[in-house]
Amino acid sequence: MYSKSHVEALYRSAMRKKMDVVTVFVSLSWLLLWLCPLKVSSEMYSSMSRLEKLVAVEEKLVEMSKEFLKEEKHRLQSLESFVETAEQQLQMSMNKSMSLVHHPVGAYLLVKRLSSDWLQQVKSVYQPLTDYVNRYNSEYHGQLPTAEDAHWSAHAILRLQEVYQLDIRNIISGQMELGLKTNDNVSASAEQNALRLKRGDVFEIAKGAYRNNDYSSAIKWLNESLQMMEEEEEPVKNKETPAEGDALQYLGYSLYKMFRSRIGNSISEVESHIRISQQAWLHDKDDEVVARVSRRIGLFTGLNTSPTSTELLQVLNYGLGGQYEPHHDYMTAEEKMWGTILGNRMATFLLYLNGVTAGGATVFPVVNVTVPVVKNAGLLFMDLLRSGRGDENSLHAGCPVVIGSKWIANKWIHEGGNEFRRKCGLNPNE
């Protein structure tokens, strides 16, 4: 049988061999930057690599907006001066004893202001704003995240809070205990303020939980949102603000639906993405580094890793809160998608291409084994018993990534071509 000690032995063996393949793995990770840009999906939340690029986009937006505001400040000062002059002349014109309208020059200035000067002032403010909006739409079209990205980014926070039992108030206040300092040039208090959630952010996360039918989490976040509203709003007797009313409405619905599901003895199915990541596939012919990785895996495992016995090298970048729920790599008779020559997936070789600060471990819940993310490490486990039956002990999952951008590569080795390298046993349970 496939035991816990077997998995641990394989992992220790992989760690001992790590130095032999470190150069190949590092070369592979650099190769990915230009060989597979992961343009397989339009969403951004599912790839940390794409999220990292948003920093440069926002940097350009900040510079563009600062330039606009600097010019706008001068325009507004000019408008303010014009309005003050017009107001002074208006007051003098409204004085019946000495109306400027009765003076030919005063009448001319009034007509000129209303026929052209006011229009020019309005244009001086309106046109640059229109140009600013048009530039925003033209230059950044397709580069910005969508409402769906925002929804699933909030869902990632909910998932991390649930999986790692994080304190909601610490998340809101920017005090998540992750042992992470993102920038040595800023103080801890400044970093904490930058990560602090506003009441609107908390309310949106609560609404996201509600939309996913996660009413228990929705209630917790809605209560925090209401408390923040009470602390920030000026107290008005017997009157609630519109935002507070919305929060109370969502809270009421959440309590009702959670109560109804418990009474009916059926928990509503919660929508979730089984895998939060983006992927690409590399053939041995794409680059010598890819071919060399396949050969090294073959030498390490003693199995046939030629293209006729394996799938393409799969490269994954996990997104915000990226995870892969418990699953088997082998296919059942109903799911089988390969021909009789290639056969089922027999073994999985997983490569950690980089490290992460927190989370992201690969876990085997049946045998209670956790394999942390270690840069350049390899993990081998068998998907099938020698009899050809699926090994239930190979059930595994990728834990959510808390902090970091997780890159891995998978090589699936099939039965075809390995009949004499891993021979069948007589016992169907082995």
Protein backbone atom coordinates (compact mmCIF):
# COMPACT_ATOMS: atom_id res chain seq x y z
CA MET A 1 0.00 0.00 0.00
CA TYR A 2 0.93 3.62 -0.47
CA SER A 3 1.85 4.68 3.08
CA LYS A 4 2.73 7.88 4.88
CA SER A 5 6.31 6.71 5.32
CA HIS A 6 6.49 6.03 1.58
CA VAL A 7 5.48 9.61 0.75
CA GLU A 8 7.88 11.05 3.32
CA ALA A 9 10.73 8.89 2.00
CA LEU A 10 10.05 10.07 -1.53
CA TYR A 11 10.04 13.68 -0.37
CA ARG A 12 13.33 13.29 1.55
CA SER A 13 14.86 11.61 -1.48
CA ALA A 14 13.70 14.47 -3.67
CA MET A 15 15.27 16.97 -1.28
CA ARG A 16 18.59 15.08 -1.37
CA LYS A 17 18.56 15.14 -5.15
CA LYS A 18 17.60 18.81 -5.21
CA MET A 19 21.12 20.12 -5.76
CA ASP A 20 21.53 17.93 -8.84
CA VAL A 21 18.63 19.54 -10.61
CA VAL A 22 18.68 23.07 -9.16
CA THR A 23 20.35 24.55 -12.25
CA VAL A 24 17.74 23.05 -14.54
CA PHE A 25 14.85 24.27 -12.38
CA VAL A 26 16.22 27.82 -12.17
CA SER A 27 16.75 27.87 -15.94
CA LEU A 28 13.21 26.63 -16.43
CA SER A 29 11.73 29.37 -14.22
CA TRP A 30 13.52 32.06 -16.25
CA LEU A 31 12.47 30.38 -19.48
CA LEU A 32 8.83 30.71 -18.48
CA LEU A 33 9.02 34.50 -18.49
CA TRP A 34 9.16 34.59 -22.28
CA LEU A 35 8.10 31.13 -23.39
CA CYS A 36 4.62 31.02 -21.80
CA PRO A 37 3.08 34.41 -20.92
CA LEU A 38 -0.09 32.62 -19.69
CA LYS A 39 -2.45 34.40 -22.07
CA VAL A 40 -5.01 31.66 -21.64
CA SER A 41 -7.59 33.69 -19.76
CA SER A 42 -8.69 37.30 -19.50
CA GLU A 43 -9.15 37.31 -15.74
CA MET A 44 -6.34 38.62 -13.55
CA TYR A 45 -7.15 37.30 -10.08
CA SER A 46 -6.19 33.74 -11.05
CA SER A 47 -2.53 34.55 -11.77
CA MET A 48 -0.21 36.36 -9.37
CA SER A 49 2.09 37.05 -12.33
CA ARG A 50 -0.65 39.13 -13.96
CA LEU A 51 -1.49 40.85 -10.67
CA GLU A 52 2.15 41.91 -10.31
CA LYS A 53 1.94 43.71 -13.66
CA LEU A 54 -0.93 45.85 -12.33
CA VAL A 55 1.57 47.69 -10.12
CA ALA A 56 3.22 49.17 -13.22
CA VAL A 57 -0.20 50.05 -14.65
CA GLU A 58 -1.18 51.93 -11.49
CA GLU A 59 2.20 53.69 -11.46
CA LYS A 60 1.43 55.10 -14.92
CA LEU A 61 -2.08 56.07 -13.81
CA VAL A 62 -0.70 57.92 -10.79
CA GLU A 63 1.79 59.85 -12.94
CA MET A 64 -0.88 60.70 -15.51
CA SER A 65 -3.27 61.87 -12.77
CA LYS A 66 -0.60 63.93 -10.99
CA GLU A 67 0.17 65.70 -14.25
CA PHE A 68 -3.55 66.33 -14.81
CA LEU A 69 -4.05 67.64 -11.25
CA LYS A 70 -1.05 69.96 -11.53
CA GLU A 71 -2.45 71.52 -14.69
CA GLU A 72 -5.97 71.48 -13.28
CA LYS A 73 -4.82 73.43 -10.24
CA HIS A 74 -3.70 76.31 -12.48
CA ARG A 75 -6.94 76.14 -14.46
CA LEU A 76 -9.03 76.23 -11.29
CA GLN A 77 -7.04 79.19 -9.98
CA SER A 78 -7.74 81.01 -13.24
CA LEU A 79 -11.42 80.10 -12.98
CA GLU A 80 -11.53 81.27 -9.36
CA SER A 81 -10.03 84.64 -10.32
CA PHE A 82 -12.51 85.00 -13.18
CA VAL A 83 -15.49 84.18 -10.92
CA GLU A 84 -14.34 86.71 -8.30
CA THR A 85 -14.10 89.45 -10.95
CA ALA A 86 -17.49 88.53 -12.40
CA GLU A 87 -19.04 88.53 -8.92
CA GLN A 88 -17.68 92.02 -8.17
CA GLN A 89 -19.05 93.41 -11.42
CA LEU A 90 -22.34 91.60 -10.87
CA GLN A 91 -22.77 93.24 -7.47
CA MET A 92 -22.08 96.66 -8.99
CA SER A 93 -24.55 95.95 -11.80
CA MET A 94 -27.22 95.01 -9.27
CA ASN A 95 -26.79 98.34 -7.51
CA LYS A 96 -29.67 100.39 -8.91
CA SER A 97 -28.02 103.70 -8.08
CA MET A 98 -24.90 102.87 -10.10
CA SER A 99 -25.50 99.92 -12.44
CA LEU A 100 -22.54 99.09 -14.70
CA VAL A 101 -25.01 97.95 -17.33
CA HIS A 102 -25.86 101.59 -17.98
CA HIS A 103 -22.24 102.31 -18.82
CA PRO A 104 -21.29 101.36 -22.40
CA VAL A 105 -18.05 99.71 -21.30
CA GLY A 106 -19.84 97.89 -18.49
CA ALA A 107 -22.51 96.68 -20.91
CA TYR A 108 -19.83 95.50 -23.34
CA LEU A 109 -17.99 93.57 -20.62
CA LEU A 110 -21.22 91.90 -19.46
CA VAL A 111 -22.11 90.82 -22.99
CA LYS A 112 -18.57 89.62 -23.66
CA ARG A 113 -18.47 87.57 -20.46
CA LEU A 114 -21.77 85.86 -21.19
CA SER A 115 -21.15 85.33 -24.90
CA SER A 116 -17.59 83.98 -24.77
CA ASP A 117 -15.66 84.32 -21.49
CA TRP A 118 -17.88 81.99 -19.47
CA LEU A 119 -17.83 79.45 -22.29
CA GLN A 120 -14.03 79.57 -22.46
CA GLN A 121 -13.74 79.09 -18.71
CA VAL A 122 -16.10 76.11 -18.76
CA LYS A 123 -14.17 74.60 -21.68
CA SER A 124 -10.85 75.16 -19.91
CA VAL A 125 -12.08 72.86 -17.14
CA TYR A 126 -14.33 70.49 -19.06
CA GLN A 127 -12.14 69.75 -22.10
CA PRO A 128 -9.02 68.65 -20.15
CA LEU A 129 -11.24 66.42 -18.03
CA THR A 130 -12.71 64.88 -21.18
CA ASP A 131 -9.20 64.36 -22.57
CA TYR A 132 -8.17 62.77 -19.28
CA VAL A 133 -11.09 60.32 -19.42
CA ASN A 134 -10.48 59.52 -23.10
CA ARG A 135 -6.79 58.91 -22.46
CA TYR A 136 -7.68 56.62 -19.56
CA ASN A 137 -10.06 54.61 -21.76
CA SER A 138 -7.71 54.37 -24.74
CA GLU A 139 -4.36 53.71 -23.05
CA TYR A 140 -5.53 51.29 -20.37
CA HIS A 141 -8.26 49.41 -22.19
CA GLY A 142 -7.86 45.70 -21.45
CA GLN A 143 -5.09 46.27 -18.89
CA LEU A 144 -7.34 46.85 -15.89
CA PRO A 145 -9.10 44.28 -13.70
CA THR A 146 -12.83 43.79 -14.01
CA ALA A 147 -15.65 43.61 -11.48
CA GLU A 148 -15.26 39.82 -11.62
CA ASP A 149 -11.60 40.16 -10.61
CA ALA A 150 -12.63 42.32 -7.65
CA HIS A 151 -15.28 39.76 -6.67
CA TRP A 152 -12.87 36.82 -6.70
CA SER A 153 -10.12 38.83 -5.00
CA ALA A 154 -12.53 39.42 -2.12
CA HIS A 155 -13.42 35.73 -2.23
CA ALA A 156 -9.71 34.92 -1.84
CA ILE A 157 -9.61 36.87 1.43
CA LEU A 158 -12.65 34.93 2.66
CA ARG A 159 -10.98 31.64 1.73
CA LEU A 160 -7.71 32.53 3.47
CA GLN A 161 -9.58 33.68 6.57
CA GLU A 162 -11.49 30.41 6.74
CA VAL A 163 -8.66 27.99 5.90
CA TYR A 164 -6.07 29.58 8.20
CA GLN A 165 -8.57 30.76 10.85
CA LEU A 166 -7.41 34.38 10.62
CA ASP A 167 -8.95 36.99 12.89
CA ILE A 168 -11.29 39.22 10.87
CA ARG A 169 -10.48 42.34 12.87
CA ASN A 170 -6.76 41.82 12.29
CA ILE A 171 -7.43 41.57 8.56
CA ILE A 172 -9.48 44.78 8.63
CA SER A 173 -6.91 46.71 10.67
CA GLY A 174 -3.98 45.58 8.51
CA GLN A 175 -2.49 43.49 11.32
CA MET A 176 -2.52 40.01 9.78
CA GLU A 177 0.21 38.04 11.54
CA LEU A 178 2.13 36.78 8.51
CA GLY A 179 5.68 37.57 9.54
CA LEU A 180 5.98 39.69 6.42
CA LYS A 181 7.43 43.12 5.82
CA THR A 182 6.85 44.08 2.21
CA ASN A 183 9.13 47.12 2.11
CA ASP A 184 12.17 47.87 4.25
CA ASN A 185 11.93 51.58 3.39
CA VAL A 186 8.60 52.15 5.15
CA SER A 187 7.68 51.91 8.82
CA ALA A 188 5.50 49.14 10.19
CA SER A 189 2.75 51.65 11.04
CA ALA A 190 2.77 53.09 7.52
CA GLU A 191 2.53 49.60 6.05
CA GLN A 192 -0.31 48.76 8.43
CA ASN A 193 -2.22 51.87 7.35
CA ALA A 194 -1.71 50.96 3.69
CA LEU A 195 -3.27 47.53 4.32
CA ARG A 196 -6.18 48.81 6.43
CA LEU A 197 -9.64 48.11 4.99
CA LYS A 198 -12.22 50.90 4.87
CA ARG A 199 -15.83 50.26 5.79
CA GLY A 200 -16.79 50.16 2.10
CA ASP A 201 -14.16 47.45 1.50
CA VAL A 202 -15.49 45.40 4.41
CA PHE A 203 -19.06 45.77 3.14
CA GLU A 204 -18.04 44.60 -0.36
CA ILE A 205 -16.32 41.50 1.09
CA ALA A 206 -19.47 40.78 3.09
CA LYS A 207 -21.61 41.11 -0.04
CA GLY A 208 -19.22 38.77 -1.85
CA ALA A 209 -19.71 36.14 0.85
CA TYR A 210 -23.48 36.60 0.56
CA ARG A 211 -23.42 36.14 -3.23
CA ASN A 212 -21.44 32.91 -2.76
CA ASN A 213 -24.12 31.64 -0.35
CA ASP A 214 -21.55 31.72 2.46
CA TYR A 215 -24.01 33.24 4.92
CA SER A 216 -21.98 32.47 8.04
CA SER A 217 -19.02 34.53 6.75
CA ALA A 218 -21.39 37.20 5.42
CA ILE A 219 -22.87 37.69 8.89
CA LYS A 220 -19.43 38.07 10.50
CA TRP A 221 -18.22 40.62 7.95
CA LEU A 222 -21.55 42.49 7.93
CA ASN A 223 -21.42 42.85 11.71
CA GLU A 224 -17.92 44.31 11.42
CA SER A 225 -19.14 46.64 8.67
CA LEU A 226 -22.04 47.86 10.81
CA GLN A 227 -19.75 48.45 13.77
CA MET A 228 -17.40 50.52 11.61
CA MET A 229 -20.35 52.55 10.33
CA GLU A 230 -21.51 53.25 13.89
CA GLU A 231 -18.03 54.41 14.87
CA GLU A 232 -17.54 56.65 11.81
CA GLU A 233 -21.00 58.16 11.30
CA GLU A 234 -22.28 61.14 13.26
CA PRO A 235 -25.03 59.82 15.54
CA VAL A 236 -28.47 60.80 14.24
CA LYS A 237 -31.37 59.85 16.46
CA ASN A 238 -33.71 57.19 14.99
CA LYS A 239 -32.13 57.55 11.55
CA GLU A 240 -29.85 55.16 9.71
CA THR A 241 -27.58 56.06 6.83
CA PRO A 242 -28.22 54.50 3.38
CA ALA A 243 -25.06 52.39 3.68
CA GLU A 244 -26.11 51.15 7.09
CA GLY A 245 -29.54 50.29 5.73
CA ASP A 246 -27.98 48.22 2.95
CA ALA A 247 -25.81 46.36 5.44
CA LEU A 248 -28.77 45.62 7.69
CA GLN A 249 -30.74 44.35 4.71
CA TYR A 250 -27.95 41.95 3.70
CA LEU A 251 -27.57 40.88 7.33
CA GLY A 252 -31.26 40.10 7.60
CA TYR A 253 -31.25 38.04 4.41
CA SER A 254 -28.12 36.16 5.52
CA LEU A 255 -29.60 35.25 8.89
CA TYR A 256 -32.85 34.15 7.27
CA LYS A 257 -31.20 31.99 4.59
CA MET A 258 -28.75 30.38 7.01
CA PHE A 259 -31.60 29.59 9.41
CA ARG A 260 -33.72 28.15 6.59
CA SER A 261 -30.88 25.91 5.35
CA ARG A 262 -30.36 24.51 8.85
CA ILE A 263 -34.06 23.85 9.40
CA GLY A 264 -34.27 22.10 6.04
CA ASN A 265 -31.25 19.95 6.96
CA SER A 266 -29.50 20.87 3.73
CA ILE A 267 -26.62 23.28 3.40
CA SER A 268 -26.70 25.40 0.26
CA GLU A 269 -23.98 24.48 -2.18
CA VAL A 270 -21.27 27.14 -2.08
CA GLU A 271 -19.90 28.14 -5.45
CA SER A 272 -16.12 27.79 -5.55
CA HIS A 273 -13.39 27.50 -8.12
CA ILE A 274 -11.66 24.14 -7.77
CA ARG A 275 -8.41 25.62 -9.01
CA ILE A 276 -7.41 29.29 -8.84
CA SER A 277 -4.51 29.51 -11.27
CA GLN A 278 -3.47 29.97 -14.88
CA GLN A 279 -1.47 27.45 -16.84
CA ALA A 280 0.58 26.81 -19.95
CA TRP A 281 1.97 23.65 -21.56
CA LEU A 282 5.57 23.18 -22.75
CA HIS A 283 6.76 20.53 -25.21
CA ASP A 284 10.26 19.06 -25.03
CA LYS A 285 10.83 20.55 -28.49
CA ASP A 286 10.07 24.08 -27.26
CA ASP A 287 13.45 24.47 -25.60
CA GLU A 288 16.42 22.35 -24.55
CA VAL A 289 15.79 23.26 -20.90
CA VAL A 290 12.35 21.63 -21.05
CA ALA A 291 13.79 18.50 -22.67
CA ARG A 292 16.56 18.38 -20.06
CA VAL A 293 14.01 18.57 -17.23
CA SER A 294 12.13 15.60 -18.71
CA ARG A 295 15.36 13.58 -18.95
CA ARG A 296 16.33 14.43 -15.36
CA ILE A 297 12.91 13.34 -14.11
CA GLY A 298 13.38 10.06 -15.99
CA LEU A 299 16.79 9.49 -14.39
CA PHE A 300 15.43 10.34 -10.96
CA THR A 301 12.34 8.12 -11.16
CA GLY A 302 13.68 5.32 -13.33
CA LEU A 303 10.60 5.70 -15.52
CA ASN A 304 10.16 6.39 -19.22
CA THR A 305 9.61 10.15 -19.58
CA SER A 306 9.76 10.39 -23.36
CA PRO A 307 6.94 12.32 -25.08
CA THR A 308 5.23 9.01 -25.96
CA SER A 309 4.83 8.14 -22.26
CA THR A 310 4.17 11.54 -20.67
CA GLU A 311 2.08 14.64 -21.05
CA LEU A 312 3.53 18.04 -21.87
CA LEU A 313 5.16 19.86 -18.97
CA GLN A 314 2.39 21.84 -17.29
CA VAL A 315 3.41 25.18 -15.77
CA LEU A 316 1.10 26.88 -13.26
CA ASN A 317 1.05 30.28 -11.62
CA TYR A 318 -1.39 30.47 -8.72
CA GLY A 319 -3.42 33.63 -8.23
CA LEU A 320 -4.63 35.57 -5.20
CA GLY A 321 -5.47 32.98 -2.55
CA GLY A 322 -4.59 30.41 -5.22
CA GLN A 323 -5.46 26.84 -4.35
CA TYR A 324 -6.34 23.44 -5.78
CA GLU A 325 -8.95 21.48 -3.86
CA PRO A 326 -8.43 17.78 -2.94
CA HIS A 327 -8.29 15.58 -6.04
CA HIS A 328 -6.65 12.56 -7.64
CA ASP A 329 -4.48 12.90 -10.74
CA TYR A 330 -5.50 9.53 -12.16
CA MET A 331 -8.67 9.22 -14.21
CA THR A 332 -11.54 6.85 -13.55
CA ALA A 333 -13.06 4.68 -16.27
CA GLU A 334 -15.74 7.32 -16.83
CA GLU A 335 -13.22 10.17 -17.00
CA LYS A 336 -10.51 8.39 -18.99
CA MET A 337 -9.39 10.64 -21.81
CA TRP A 338 -6.28 8.85 -23.09
CA GLY A 339 -6.03 5.95 -25.51
CA THR A 340 -5.07 2.41 -24.57
CA ILE A 341 -1.46 2.97 -25.69
CA LEU A 342 -0.77 5.90 -23.34
CA GLY A 343 -2.82 4.48 -20.49
CA ASN A 344 -3.70 6.20 -17.23
CA ARG A 345 -1.56 8.60 -15.22
CA MET A 346 0.78 6.40 -13.21
CA ALA A 347 2.99 8.96 -11.43
CA THR A 348 3.15 12.69 -10.77
CA PHE A 349 6.37 14.68 -10.50
CA LEU A 350 5.80 18.18 -9.12
CA LEU A 351 8.46 20.91 -9.21
CA TYR A 352 8.43 23.97 -6.96
CA LEU A 353 9.92 26.65 -9.22
CA ASN A 354 10.05 29.31 -6.50
CA GLY A 355 9.29 29.88 -2.83
CA VAL A 356 6.42 31.75 -1.18
CA THR A 357 6.29 33.64 2.10
CA ALA A 358 3.21 31.93 3.51
CA GLY A 359 0.82 29.13 2.54
CA GLY A 360 0.76 27.12 -0.69
CA ALA A 361 1.82 23.73 0.72
CA THR A 362 0.85 20.47 -0.99
CA VAL A 363 -1.06 18.22 1.41
CA PHE A 364 -2.03 14.54 1.34
CA PRO A 365 -5.03 14.39 3.71
CA VAL A 366 -5.47 10.60 3.68
CA VAL A 367 -1.91 9.92 4.90
CA ASN A 368 -1.64 13.23 6.79
CA VAL A 369 1.48 14.51 5.00
CA THR A 370 2.26 18.17 4.29
CA VAL A 371 4.97 19.17 1.82
CA PRO A 372 5.89 22.87 2.15
CA VAL A 373 6.87 25.04 -0.79
CA VAL A 374 10.67 24.86 -1.10
CA LYS A 375 12.29 26.55 -4.08
CA ASN A 376 13.75 24.10 -6.63
CA ALA A 377 12.47 21.02 -4.74
CA GLY A 378 10.79 18.11 -6.50
CA LEU A 379 7.99 15.87 -5.22
CA LEU A 380 7.24 12.42 -6.67
CA PHE A 381 4.17 10.35 -5.81
CA MET A 382 2.48 7.39 -7.47
CA ASP A 383 -1.09 7.78 -8.71
CA LEU A 384 -1.74 4.08 -9.38
CA LEU A 385 -1.14 0.89 -7.46
CA ARG A 386 0.96 -1.76 -9.22
CA SER A 387 -2.29 -3.50 -10.09
CA GLY A 388 -3.31 -0.48 -12.17
CA ARG A 389 -6.04 0.61 -9.77
CA GLY A 390 -6.13 4.20 -8.58
CA ASP A 391 -4.35 4.76 -5.27
CA GLU A 392 -6.78 6.49 -2.92
CA ASN A 393 -3.86 7.56 -0.72
CA SER A 394 -2.64 9.85 -3.52
CA LEU A 395 -5.49 12.29 -2.82
CA HIS A 396 -3.79 15.68 -2.59
CA ALA A 397 -4.52 19.40 -2.60
CA GLY A 398 -2.73 22.72 -3.01
CA CYS A 399 -3.31 24.93 0.04
CA PRO A 400 -4.22 28.59 -0.59
CA VAL A 401 -1.27 30.91 -1.13
CA VAL A 402 -1.37 33.60 1.57
CA ILE A 403 1.60 35.71 0.50
CA GLY A 404 3.67 35.23 -2.63
CA SER A 405 3.47 34.17 -6.27
CA LYS A 406 3.57 30.38 -6.51
CA TRP A 407 5.03 28.83 -9.67
CA ILE A 408 5.05 25.06 -10.11
CA ALA A 409 5.50 22.58 -12.95
CA ASN A 410 3.86 19.16 -13.25
CA LYS A 411 5.03 16.17 -15.26
CA TRP A 412 2.53 13.32 -15.52
CA ILE A 413 3.98 9.93 -16.39
CA HIS A 414 1.64 7.35 -17.93
CA GLU A 415 1.44 3.56 -17.93
CA GLY A 416 2.25 3.25 -21.62
CA GLY A 417 5.97 2.61 -22.12
CA ASN A 418 6.50 1.79 -18.45
CA GLU A 419 5.11 -1.75 -18.39
CA PHE A 420 8.54 -3.26 -17.66
CA ARG A 421 9.86 -0.42 -15.50
CA ARG A 422 7.10 -0.66 -12.90
CA LYS A 423 5.74 -4.15 -13.24
CA CYS A 424 2.29 -5.18 -12.12
CA GLY A 425 1.97 -7.02 -8.83
CA LEU A 426 -0.06 -10.12 -8.07
CA ASN A 427 -1.87 -8.47 -5.17
CA PRO A 428 -4.62 -6.10 -6.41
CA ASN A 429 -4.23 -4.01 -3.25
CA GLU A 430 -0.55 -3.23 -3.85
